[in-house]
Amino acid sequence: MVNVTGLWLNTDKHDNKYMAGNCGAVRYWVFKNLNKRNEGDPDYLLKISQNIKKMKPKADGEEEEEDELSHGMQPDGLPF
């Protein structure tokens, strides 16, 4: 086996838990599959996106990093 990246457990502003990690230009996300209908359906979903950090202006004129998750990507739940 080859290690691709590490994943970190995170919580969004709605208390949904997800795992995310970076590998170069790719960002990996792991979410619980809340649409599982049959035993053959996957328990968790692995999604990828570009690893683009967006800059969000703060009130005092500084900037802070903001990732894709806070731009409409809603996690499905904790993967464990």
C-alpha atoms as a PDB file:
ATOM      1  CA  MET A   1       0.000   0.000   0.000  1.00  0.00           C
ATOM      2  CA  VAL A   2       0.982   3.618  -0.567  1.00  0.00           C
ATOM      3  CA  ASN A   3       0.073   6.495   1.750  1.00  0.00           C
ATOM      4  CA  VAL A   4      -1.703   9.217  -0.239  1.00  0.00           C
ATOM      5  CA  THR A   5      -2.444  11.742   2.512  1.00  0.00           C
ATOM      6  CA  GLY A   6      -3.483  12.069   6.117  1.00  0.00           C
ATOM      7  CA  LEU A   7      -7.074  12.906   7.001  1.00  0.00           C
ATOM      8  CA  TRP A   8      -8.163  15.146   9.841  1.00  0.00           C
ATOM      9  CA  LEU A   9     -11.491  15.003  11.649  1.00  0.00           C
ATOM     10  CA  ASN A  10     -13.332  18.333  11.375  1.00  0.00           C
ATOM     11  CA  THR A  11     -16.668  19.807  12.422  1.00  0.00           C
ATOM     12  CA  ASP A  12     -18.491  22.412  10.350  1.00  0.00           C
ATOM     13  CA  LYS A  13     -20.550  25.326  11.701  1.00  0.00           C
ATOM     14  CA  HIS A  14     -23.642  23.052  11.799  1.00  0.00           C
ATOM     15  CA  ASP A  15     -21.840  20.448  14.004  1.00  0.00           C
ATOM     16  CA  ASN A  16     -21.615  17.971  11.093  1.00  0.00           C
ATOM     17  CA  LYS A  17     -18.418  15.903  11.251  1.00  0.00           C
ATOM     18  CA  TYR A  18     -16.283  14.998   8.240  1.00  0.00           C
ATOM     19  CA  MET A  19     -12.689  14.083   7.416  1.00  0.00           C
ATOM     20  CA  ALA A  20     -10.493  16.070   5.030  1.00  0.00           C
ATOM     21  CA  GLY A  21      -6.910  16.102   3.812  1.00  0.00           C
ATOM     22  CA  ASN A  22      -4.722  17.592   1.089  1.00  0.00           C
ATOM     23  CA  CYS A  23      -2.292  16.103  -1.392  1.00  0.00           C
ATOM     24  CA  GLY A  24      -0.809  18.724  -3.681  1.00  0.00           C
ATOM     25  CA  ALA A  25      -3.535  20.268  -5.819  1.00  0.00           C
ATOM     26  CA  VAL A  26      -6.190  17.796  -4.590  1.00  0.00           C
ATOM     27  CA  ARG A  27      -8.364  18.025  -1.458  1.00  0.00           C
ATOM     28  CA  TYR A  28      -9.941  14.788  -0.176  1.00  0.00           C
ATOM     29  CA  TRP A  29     -13.228  14.632   1.771  1.00  0.00           C
ATOM     30  CA  VAL A  30     -14.842  11.621   3.515  1.00  0.00           C
ATOM     31  CA  PHE A  31     -18.537  11.771   4.406  1.00  0.00           C
ATOM     32  CA  LYS A  32     -20.991   9.254   5.829  1.00  0.00           C
ATOM     33  CA  ASN A  33     -23.419   8.046   3.137  1.00  0.00           C
ATOM     34  CA  LEU A  34     -26.799   9.183   4.451  1.00  0.00           C
ATOM     35  CA  ASN A  35     -28.499   7.983   1.244  1.00  0.00           C
ATOM     36  CA  LYS A  36     -27.643   4.308   1.824  1.00  0.00           C
ATOM     37  CA  ARG A  37     -30.711   2.314   0.793  1.00  0.00           C
ATOM     38  CA  ASN A  38     -29.341  -1.227   0.347  1.00  0.00           C
ATOM     39  CA  GLU A  39     -26.709  -3.288   2.137  1.00  0.00           C
ATOM     40  CA  GLY A  40     -24.605  -3.167  -1.045  1.00  0.00           C
ATOM     41  CA  ASP A  41     -24.455   0.656  -0.990  1.00  0.00           C
ATOM     42  CA  PRO A  42     -21.240   2.209   0.379  1.00  0.00           C
ATOM     43  CA  ASP A  43     -21.122   3.297   4.034  1.00  0.00           C
ATOM     44  CA  TYR A  44     -18.866   6.302   3.297  1.00  0.00           C
ATOM     45  CA  LEU A  45     -18.211   8.525   0.283  1.00  0.00           C
ATOM     46  CA  LEU A  46     -14.780   9.792  -0.795  1.00  0.00           C
ATOM     47  CA  LYS A  47     -14.973  13.071  -2.708  1.00  0.00           C
ATOM     48  CA  ILE A  48     -12.205  15.148  -4.234  1.00  0.00           C
ATOM     49  CA  SER A  49     -11.942  18.796  -5.216  1.00  0.00           C
ATOM     50  CA  GLN A  50      -9.269  21.278  -6.193  1.00  0.00           C
ATOM     51  CA  ASN A  51      -7.204  22.393  -3.221  1.00  0.00           C
ATOM     52  CA  ILE A  52      -7.986  26.078  -3.642  1.00  0.00           C
ATOM     53  CA  LYS A  53      -7.794  28.292  -0.593  1.00  0.00           C
ATOM     54  CA  LYS A  54      -9.949  31.374  -0.916  1.00  0.00           C
ATOM     55  CA  MET A  55      -9.223  34.573   0.939  1.00  0.00           C
ATOM     56  CA  LYS A  56     -12.064  36.126   2.915  1.00  0.00           C
ATOM     57  CA  PRO A  57     -11.669  39.709   4.170  1.00  0.00           C
ATOM     58  CA  LYS A  58     -11.991  40.164   7.931  1.00  0.00           C
ATOM     59  CA  ALA A  59     -13.550  43.205   9.581  1.00  0.00           C
ATOM     60  CA  ASP A  60     -10.159  44.673  10.585  1.00  0.00           C
ATOM     61  CA  GLY A  61      -8.863  44.644   6.987  1.00  0.00           C
ATOM     62  CA  GLU A  62      -6.804  41.425   7.313  1.00  0.00           C
ATOM     63  CA  GLU A  63      -7.608  38.323   5.314  1.00  0.00           C
ATOM     64  CA  GLU A  64      -8.255  34.800   6.504  1.00  0.00           C
ATOM     65  CA  GLU A  65      -8.256  31.551   4.550  1.00  0.00           C
ATOM     66  CA  GLU A  66     -11.574  29.933   3.777  1.00  0.00           C
ATOM     67  CA  ASP A  67     -11.928  26.535   2.099  1.00  0.00           C
ATOM     68  CA  GLU A  68     -14.528  25.046  -0.234  1.00  0.00           C
ATOM     69  CA  LEU A  69     -16.627  23.563   2.568  1.00  0.00           C
ATOM     70  CA  SER A  70     -17.832  26.979   3.666  1.00  0.00           C
ATOM     71  CA  HIS A  71     -18.840  27.763   0.060  1.00  0.00           C
ATOM     72  CA  GLY A  72     -21.895  25.516  -0.145  1.00  0.00           C
ATOM     73  CA  MET A  73     -20.394  22.032   0.183  1.00  0.00           C
ATOM     74  CA  GLN A  74     -22.453  20.463   2.948  1.00  0.00           C
ATOM     75  CA  PRO A  75     -20.986  17.359   4.600  1.00  0.00           C
ATOM     76  CA  ASP A  76     -23.160  14.292   5.087  1.00  0.00           C
ATOM     77  CA  GLY A  77     -21.942  13.284   8.541  1.00  0.00           C
ATOM     78  CA  LEU A  78     -19.217  11.665  10.574  1.00  0.00           C
ATOM     79  CA  PRO A  79     -17.504   8.761   8.781  1.00  0.00           C
ATOM     80  CA  PHE A  80     -16.921   6.685  11.927  1.00  0.00           C
END
